[in-house]
Each structure stands twice: as C-alpha cells, then as structure tokens.
Amino acid sequence: MYIGFALTLWTAPTWTPDQLALALAWTAYCAVGPRFKERRYLRRYGEAFRSYQSQVPYMLPFARARRADAAGRTVGR
C-alpha cells in the first residue's frame, strides 16, 4: 500500500515545486512510518506478530528473503 501511494505521488504528469516537496516528504513517511507501526504492533501482539513478520515480506511481495533460523534451517519462501 505504501509503495502504491508513493508511486501515485511520483507519477503526476506535471510538476510544481510544492508538489515536489510534498512528494519527498510523503515518500519519506512511506519509507520510515511503517517501521514505527511495526514496533507498536510488536509491543502489542508480541510473538504472534513476530511470526507474521517472518511469513510476510516487509515492502515488496516478491522479495521474500531467505533467512536461517537458530537451528540453521532456511526460513521463508
């Protein structure tokens, strides 16, 4: 959702200086804001949210990182 919103900001047919400033500010929010939300969810939902994080990629749906768990097995798809 955040990437879609950022793309909407940057694909306007005409540009003005104030539009550029807003696009920069909102794009920065789209990159940083979700991290704060994830921290809040982790405090609220604990291990259930951590499990969700391990199954769902952060930003791009096709960018599933493969990680090794504590036993050395590969985690992720």
PDB file of N, CA and C in Angstrom:
ATOM      1  N   MET A   1       0.821  -1.175   0.000  1.00  0.00           N
ATOM      2  CA  MET A   1       0.000   0.000   0.000  1.00  0.00           C
ATOM      3  C   MET A   1       0.877   1.255   0.000  1.00  0.00           C
ATOM      4  N   TYR A   2       1.941   1.222   0.797  1.00  0.00           N
ATOM      5  CA  TYR A   2       2.814   2.397   0.859  1.00  0.00           C
ATOM      6  C   TYR A   2       3.530   2.635  -0.468  1.00  0.00           C
ATOM      7  N   ILE A   3       3.948   1.574  -1.119  1.00  0.00           N
ATOM      8  CA  ILE A   3       4.628   1.727  -2.408  1.00  0.00           C
ATOM      9  C   ILE A   3       3.658   2.276  -3.449  1.00  0.00           C
ATOM     10  N   GLY A   4       2.434   1.785  -3.436  1.00  0.00           N
ATOM     11  CA  GLY A   4       1.429   2.301  -4.359  1.00  0.00           C
ATOM     12  C   GLY A   4       1.166   3.782  -4.146  1.00  0.00           C
ATOM     13  N   PHE A   5       1.095   4.187  -2.889  1.00  0.00           N
ATOM     14  CA  PHE A   5       0.883   5.604  -2.585  1.00  0.00           C
ATOM     15  C   PHE A   5       2.061   6.442  -3.060  1.00  0.00           C
ATOM     16  N   ALA A   6       3.284   5.967  -2.809  1.00  0.00           N
ATOM     17  CA  ALA A   6       4.473   6.707  -3.248  1.00  0.00           C
ATOM     18  C   ALA A   6       4.516   6.810  -4.774  1.00  0.00           C
ATOM     19  N   LEU A   7       4.169   5.729  -5.467  1.00  0.00           N
ATOM     20  CA  LEU A   7       4.143   5.785  -6.929  1.00  0.00           C
ATOM     21  C   LEU A   7       3.095   6.769  -7.434  1.00  0.00           C
ATOM     22  N   THR A   8       1.977   6.842  -6.750  1.00  0.00           N
ATOM     23  CA  THR A   8       0.950   7.815  -7.124  1.00  0.00           C
ATOM     24  C   THR A   8       1.499   9.234  -7.021  1.00  0.00           C
ATOM     25  N   LEU A   9       2.299   9.483  -6.007  1.00  0.00           N
ATOM     26  CA  LEU A   9       2.876  10.816  -5.833  1.00  0.00           C
ATOM     27  C   LEU A   9       3.859  11.165  -6.952  1.00  0.00           C
ATOM     28  N   TRP A  10       4.643  10.187  -7.386  1.00  0.00           N
ATOM     29  CA  TRP A  10       5.736  10.454  -8.314  1.00  0.00           C
ATOM     30  C   TRP A  10       5.351  10.326  -9.783  1.00  0.00           C
ATOM     31  N   THR A  11       4.148   9.921 -10.096  1.00  0.00           N
ATOM     32  CA  THR A  11       3.782   9.732 -11.499  1.00  0.00           C
ATOM     33  C   THR A  11       2.814  10.794 -12.015  1.00  0.00           C
ATOM     34  N   ALA A  12       2.829  11.937 -11.425  1.00  0.00           N
ATOM     35  CA  ALA A  12       1.967  13.035 -11.881  1.00  0.00           C
ATOM     36  C   ALA A  12       2.483  13.556 -13.232  1.00  0.00           C
ATOM     37  N   PRO A  13       1.577  13.974 -14.110  1.00  0.00           N
ATOM     38  CA  PRO A  13       2.016  14.436 -15.433  1.00  0.00           C
ATOM     39  C   PRO A  13       2.705  15.799 -15.413  1.00  0.00           C
ATOM     40  N   THR A  14       2.402  16.633 -14.446  1.00  0.00           N
ATOM     41  CA  THR A  14       3.056  17.939 -14.344  1.00  0.00           C
ATOM     42  C   THR A  14       3.591  18.101 -12.923  1.00  0.00           C
ATOM     43  N   TRP A  15       4.635  18.934 -12.812  1.00  0.00           N
ATOM     44  CA  TRP A  15       5.289  19.111 -11.510  1.00  0.00           C
ATOM     45  C   TRP A  15       5.390  20.587 -11.153  1.00  0.00           C
ATOM     46  N   THR A  16       5.213  20.865  -9.877  1.00  0.00           N
ATOM     47  CA  THR A  16       5.442  22.196  -9.337  1.00  0.00           C
ATOM     48  C   THR A  16       6.385  22.034  -8.153  1.00  0.00           C
ATOM     49  N   PRO A  17       7.047  23.086  -7.723  1.00  0.00           N
ATOM     50  CA  PRO A  17       7.964  22.959  -6.572  1.00  0.00           C
ATOM     51  C   PRO A  17       7.271  22.462  -5.300  1.00  0.00           C
ATOM     52  N   ASP A  18       6.053  22.912  -5.054  1.00  0.00           N
ATOM     53  CA  ASP A  18       5.370  22.445  -3.844  1.00  0.00           C
ATOM     54  C   ASP A  18       4.981  20.975  -3.960  1.00  0.00           C
ATOM     55  N   GLN A  19       4.653  20.521  -5.156  1.00  0.00           N
ATOM     56  CA  GLN A  19       4.344  19.104  -5.348  1.00  0.00           C
ATOM     57  C   GLN A  19       5.590  18.249  -5.116  1.00  0.00           C
ATOM     58  N   LEU A  20       6.733  18.728  -5.562  1.00  0.00           N
ATOM     59  CA  LEU A  20       7.978  18.013  -5.325  1.00  0.00           C
ATOM     60  C   LEU A  20       8.268  17.910  -3.829  1.00  0.00           C
ATOM     61  N   ALA A  21       8.082  19.001  -3.108  1.00  0.00           N
ATOM     62  CA  ALA A  21       8.314  18.991  -1.659  1.00  0.00           C
ATOM     63  C   ALA A  21       7.377  17.998  -0.963  1.00  0.00           C
ATOM     64  N   LEU A  22       6.110  18.014  -1.341  1.00  0.00           N
ATOM     65  CA  LEU A  22       5.157  17.073  -0.739  1.00  0.00           C
ATOM     66  C   LEU A  22       5.491  15.625  -1.100  1.00  0.00           C
ATOM     67  N   ALA A  23       5.878  15.389  -2.348  1.00  0.00           N
ATOM     68  CA  ALA A  23       6.234  14.029  -2.762  1.00  0.00           C
ATOM     69  C   ALA A  23       7.437  13.530  -1.968  1.00  0.00           C
ATOM     70  N   LEU A  24       8.428  14.375  -1.760  1.00  0.00           N
ATOM     71  CA  LEU A  24       9.597  13.984  -0.967  1.00  0.00           C
ATOM     72  C   LEU A  24       9.206  13.670   0.477  1.00  0.00           C
ATOM     73  N   ALA A  25       8.398  14.541   1.066  1.00  0.00           N
ATOM     74  CA  ALA A  25       8.003  14.347   2.464  1.00  0.00           C
ATOM     75  C   ALA A  25       7.159  13.086   2.637  1.00  0.00           C
ATOM     76  N   TRP A  26       6.160  12.894   1.776  1.00  0.00           N
ATOM     77  CA  TRP A  26       5.297  11.725   1.911  1.00  0.00           C
ATOM     78  C   TRP A  26       6.025  10.424   1.573  1.00  0.00           C
ATOM     79  N   THR A  27       6.967  10.488   0.642  1.00  0.00           N
ATOM     80  CA  THR A  27       7.751   9.297   0.323  1.00  0.00           C
ATOM     81  C   THR A  27       8.646   8.922   1.504  1.00  0.00           C
ATOM     82  N   ALA A  28       9.207   9.907   2.171  1.00  0.00           N
ATOM     83  CA  ALA A  28       9.999   9.628   3.377  1.00  0.00           C
ATOM     84  C   ALA A  28       9.122   8.981   4.436  1.00  0.00           C
ATOM     85  N   TYR A  29       7.908   9.472   4.589  1.00  0.00           N
ATOM     86  CA  TYR A  29       6.985   8.854   5.544  1.00  0.00           C
ATOM     87  C   TYR A  29       6.685   7.411   5.141  1.00  0.00           C
ATOM     88  N   CYS A  30       6.464   7.167   3.851  1.00  0.00           N
ATOM     89  CA  CYS A  30       6.160   5.806   3.383  1.00  0.00           C
ATOM     90  C   CYS A  30       7.322   4.849   3.647  1.00  0.00           C
ATOM     91  N   ALA A  31       8.537   5.363   3.682  1.00  0.00           N
ATOM     92  CA  ALA A  31       9.707   4.521   3.928  1.00  0.00           C
ATOM     93  C   ALA A  31       9.953   4.302   5.418  1.00  0.00           C
ATOM     94  N   VAL A  32       9.681   5.304   6.244  1.00  0.00           N
ATOM     95  CA  VAL A  32      10.021   5.239   7.667  1.00  0.00           C
ATOM     96  C   VAL A  32       8.817   4.945   8.555  1.00  0.00           C
ATOM     97  N   GLY A  33       7.668   5.475   8.228  1.00  0.00           N
ATOM     98  CA  GLY A  33       6.474   5.334   9.055  1.00  0.00           C
ATOM     99  C   GLY A  33       6.088   3.909   9.409  1.00  0.00           C
ATOM    100  N   PRO A  34       6.115   2.987   8.452  1.00  0.00           N
ATOM    101  CA  PRO A  34       5.729   1.610   8.789  1.00  0.00           C
ATOM    102  C   PRO A  34       6.617   0.954   9.845  1.00  0.00           C
ATOM    103  N   ARG A  35       7.867   1.375   9.933  1.00  0.00           N
ATOM    104  CA  ARG A  35       8.758   0.815  10.958  1.00  0.00           C
ATOM    105  C   ARG A  35       8.234   1.143  12.364  1.00  0.00           C
ATOM    106  N   PHE A  36       7.742   2.354  12.545  1.00  0.00           N
ATOM    107  CA  PHE A  36       7.177   2.728  13.842  1.00  0.00           C
ATOM    108  C   PHE A  36       5.918   1.916  14.138  1.00  0.00           C
ATOM    109  N   LYS A  37       5.096   1.716  13.105  1.00  0.00           N
ATOM    110  CA  LYS A  37       3.876   0.930  13.271  1.00  0.00           C
ATOM    111  C   LYS A  37       4.225  -0.513  13.637  1.00  0.00           C
ATOM    112  N   GLU A  38       5.244  -1.069  12.991  1.00  0.00           N
ATOM    113  CA  GLU A  38       5.637  -2.447  13.298  1.00  0.00           C
ATOM    114  C   GLU A  38       6.150  -2.577  14.729  1.00  0.00           C
ATOM    115  N   ARG A  39       6.895  -1.603  15.198  1.00  0.00           N
ATOM    116  CA  ARG A  39       7.359  -1.632  16.601  1.00  0.00           C
ATOM    117  C   ARG A  39       6.179  -1.616  17.562  1.00  0.00           C
ATOM    118  N   ARG A  40       5.199  -0.781  17.252  1.00  0.00           N
ATOM    119  CA  ARG A  40       3.998  -0.701  18.093  1.00  0.00           C
ATOM    120  C   ARG A  40       3.241  -2.022  18.078  1.00  0.00           C
ATOM    121  N   TYR A  41       3.086  -2.642  16.915  1.00  0.00           N
ATOM    122  CA  TYR A  41       2.407  -3.938  16.821  1.00  0.00           C
ATOM    123  C   TYR A  41       3.181  -5.025  17.557  1.00  0.00           C
ATOM    124  N   LEU A  42       4.497  -4.970  17.489  1.00  0.00           N
ATOM    125  CA  LEU A  42       5.302  -5.971  18.182  1.00  0.00           C
ATOM    126  C   LEU A  42       5.108  -5.874  19.691  1.00  0.00           C
ATOM    127  N   ARG A  43       5.043  -4.655  20.205  1.00  0.00           N
ATOM    128  CA  ARG A  43       4.766  -4.487  21.646  1.00  0.00           C
ATOM    129  C   ARG A  43       3.373  -4.987  22.002  1.00  0.00           C
ATOM    130  N   ARG A  44       2.407  -4.714  21.152  1.00  0.00           N
ATOM    131  CA  ARG A  44       1.020  -5.065  21.445  1.00  0.00           C
ATOM    132  C   ARG A  44       0.735  -6.560  21.250  1.00  0.00           C
ATOM    133  N   TYR A  45       1.224  -7.156  20.148  1.00  0.00           N
ATOM    134  CA  TYR A  45       0.853  -8.528  19.812  1.00  0.00           C
ATOM    135  C   TYR A  45       1.960  -9.553  20.043  1.00  0.00           C
ATOM    136  N   GLY A  46       3.175  -9.094  20.321  1.00  0.00           N
ATOM    137  CA  GLY A  46       4.261  -9.982  20.707  1.00  0.00           C
ATOM    138  C   GLY A  46       4.632 -11.031  19.670  1.00  0.00           C
ATOM    139  N   GLU A  47       4.713 -12.276  20.130  1.00  0.00           N
ATOM    140  CA  GLU A  47       5.200 -13.370  19.291  1.00  0.00           C
ATOM    141  C   GLU A  47       4.294 -13.636  18.089  1.00  0.00           C
ATOM    142  N   ALA A  48       3.005 -13.400  18.214  1.00  0.00           N
ATOM    143  CA  ALA A  48       2.098 -13.602  17.079  1.00  0.00           C
ATOM    144  C   ALA A  48       2.475 -12.671  15.927  1.00  0.00           C
ATOM    145  N   PHE A  49       2.831 -11.432  16.234  1.00  0.00           N
ATOM    146  CA  PHE A  49       3.230 -10.507  15.181  1.00  0.00           C
ATOM    147  C   PHE A  49       4.598 -10.871  14.636  1.00  0.00           C
ATOM    148  N   ARG A  50       5.509 -11.319  15.482  1.00  0.00           N
ATOM    149  CA  ARG A  50       6.834 -11.739  15.011  1.00  0.00           C
ATOM    150  C   ARG A  50       6.683 -12.911  14.029  1.00  0.00           C
ATOM    151  N   SER A  51       5.787 -13.830  14.300  1.00  0.00           N
ATOM    152  CA  SER A  51       5.522 -14.935  13.391  1.00  0.00           C
ATOM    153  C   SER A  51       4.986 -14.424  12.055  1.00  0.00           C
ATOM    154  N   TYR A  52       4.076 -13.466  12.124  1.00  0.00           N
ATOM    155  CA  TYR A  52       3.541 -12.836  10.913  1.00  0.00           C
ATOM    156  C   TYR A  52       4.670 -12.190  10.106  1.00  0.00           C
ATOM    157  N   GLN A  53       5.575 -11.467  10.788  1.00  0.00           N
ATOM    158  CA  GLN A  53       6.683 -10.816  10.112  1.00  0.00           C
ATOM    159  C   GLN A  53       7.577 -11.821   9.392  1.00  0.00           C
ATOM    160  N   SER A  54       7.753 -12.988   9.981  1.00  0.00           N
ATOM    161  CA  SER A  54       8.632 -13.978   9.355  1.00  0.00           C
ATOM    162  C   SER A  54       7.994 -14.588   8.109  1.00  0.00           C
ATOM    163  N   GLN A  55       6.686 -14.473   7.956  1.00  0.00           N
ATOM    164  CA  GLN A  55       5.991 -15.064   6.815  1.00  0.00           C
ATOM    165  C   GLN A  55       5.675 -14.072   5.708  1.00  0.00           C
ATOM    166  N   VAL A  56       5.669 -12.783   6.033  1.00  0.00           N
ATOM    167  CA  VAL A  56       5.248 -11.763   5.070  1.00  0.00           C
ATOM    168  C   VAL A  56       6.404 -10.792   4.830  1.00  0.00           C
ATOM    169  N   PRO A  57       6.737 -10.515   3.562  1.00  0.00           N
ATOM    170  CA  PRO A  57       7.829  -9.572   3.280  1.00  0.00           C
ATOM    171  C   PRO A  57       7.479  -8.155   3.730  1.00  0.00           C
ATOM    172  N   TYR A  58       8.486  -7.361   4.007  1.00  0.00           N
ATOM    173  CA  TYR A  58       8.255  -6.021   4.553  1.00  0.00           C
ATOM    174  C   TYR A  58       7.611  -5.082   3.539  1.00  0.00           C
ATOM    175  N   MET A  59       8.220  -4.898   2.390  1.00  0.00           N
ATOM    176  CA  MET A  59       7.726  -3.912   1.429  1.00  0.00           C
ATOM    177  C   MET A  59       7.230  -4.527   0.130  1.00  0.00           C
ATOM    178  N   LEU A  60       8.046  -5.344  -0.484  1.00  0.00           N
ATOM    179  CA  LEU A  60       7.723  -5.881  -1.802  1.00  0.00           C
ATOM    180  C   LEU A  60       7.277  -7.331  -1.682  1.00  0.00           C
ATOM    181  N   PRO A  61       6.105  -7.664  -2.195  1.00  0.00           N
ATOM    182  CA  PRO A  61       5.573  -9.016  -2.021  1.00  0.00           C
ATOM    183  C   PRO A  61       6.460 -10.113  -2.601  1.00  0.00           C
ATOM    184  N   PHE A  62       7.211  -9.807  -3.666  1.00  0.00           N
ATOM    185  CA  PHE A  62       8.032 -10.834  -4.303  1.00  0.00           C
ATOM    186  C   PHE A  62       9.432 -10.909  -3.725  1.00  0.00           C
ATOM    187  N   ALA A  63       9.755 -10.041  -2.771  1.00  0.00           N
ATOM    188  CA  ALA A  63      11.104 -10.001  -2.201  1.00  0.00           C
ATOM    189  C   ALA A  63      11.149 -10.765  -0.885  1.00  0.00           C
ATOM    190  N   ARG A  64      10.947 -12.034  -0.948  1.00  0.00           N
ATOM    191  CA  ARG A  64      10.984 -12.863   0.255  1.00  0.00           C
ATOM    192  C   ARG A  64      12.419 -13.269   0.525  1.00  0.00           C
ATOM    193  N   ALA A  65      12.971 -12.726   1.574  1.00  0.00           N
ATOM    194  CA  ALA A  65      14.348 -13.057   1.930  1.00  0.00           C
ATOM    195  C   ALA A  65      14.390 -14.433   2.573  1.00  0.00           C
ATOM    196  N   ARG A  66      15.416 -15.185   2.264  1.00  0.00           N
ATOM    197  CA  ARG A  66      15.610 -16.482   2.891  1.00  0.00           C
ATOM    198  C   ARG A  66      16.570 -16.270   4.047  1.00  0.00           C
ATOM    199  N   ARG A  67      16.117 -16.671   5.228  1.00  0.00           N
ATOM    200  CA  ARG A  67      16.923 -16.493   6.431  1.00  0.00           C
ATOM    201  C   ARG A  67      17.117 -17.848   7.084  1.00  0.00           C
ATOM    202  N   ALA A  68      18.173 -17.946   7.856  1.00  0.00           N
ATOM    203  CA  ALA A  68      18.405 -19.185   8.599  1.00  0.00           C
ATOM    204  C   ALA A  68      17.898 -18.990  10.018  1.00  0.00           C
ATOM    205  N   ASP A  69      17.182 -19.985  10.537  1.00  0.00           N
ATOM    206  CA  ASP A  69      16.710 -19.907  11.916  1.00  0.00           C
ATOM    207  C   ASP A  69      17.819 -20.376  12.850  1.00  0.00           C
ATOM    208  N   ALA A  70      17.520 -20.451  14.139  1.00  0.00           N
ATOM    209  CA  ALA A  70      18.525 -20.797  15.132  1.00  0.00           C
ATOM    210  C   ALA A  70      19.140 -22.177  14.898  1.00  0.00           C
ATOM    211  N   ALA A  71      18.393 -23.112  14.318  1.00  0.00           N
ATOM    212  CA  ALA A  71      18.890 -24.460  14.081  1.00  0.00           C
ATOM    213  C   ALA A  71      19.624 -24.564  12.743  1.00  0.00           C
ATOM    214  N   GLY A  72      19.696 -23.453  12.007  1.00  0.00           N
ATOM    215  CA  GLY A  72      20.415 -23.457  10.732  1.00  0.00           C
ATOM    216  C   GLY A  72      19.548 -23.814   9.538  1.00  0.00           C
ATOM    217  N   ARG A  73      18.260 -24.014   9.743  1.00  0.00           N
ATOM    218  CA  ARG A  73      17.357 -24.323   8.625  1.00  0.00           C
ATOM    219  C   ARG A  73      16.986 -23.026   7.917  1.00  0.00           C
ATOM    220  N   THR A  74      16.722 -23.130   6.629  1.00  0.00           N
ATOM    221  CA  THR A  74      16.326 -21.955   5.858  1.00  0.00           C
ATOM    222  C   THR A  74      14.865 -21.655   6.125  1.00  0.00           C
ATOM    223  N   VAL A  75      14.586 -20.362   6.405  1.00  0.00           N
ATOM    224  CA  VAL A  75      13.236 -19.925   6.709  1.00  0.00           C
ATOM    225  C   VAL A  75      12.792 -18.980   5.598  1.00  0.00           C
ATOM    226  N   GLY A  76      11.549 -19.069   5.234  1.00  0.00           N
ATOM    227  CA  GLY A  76      10.995 -18.195   4.204  1.00  0.00           C
ATOM    228  C   GLY A  76      10.792 -18.952   2.901  1.00  0.00           C
ATOM    229  N   ARG A  77      10.175 -18.294   1.947  1.00  0.00           N
ATOM    230  CA  ARG A  77       9.914 -18.952   0.664  1.00  0.00           C
ATOM    231  C   ARG A  77      10.774 -18.343  -0.393  1.00  0.00           C
TER     232      ARG A  77
END
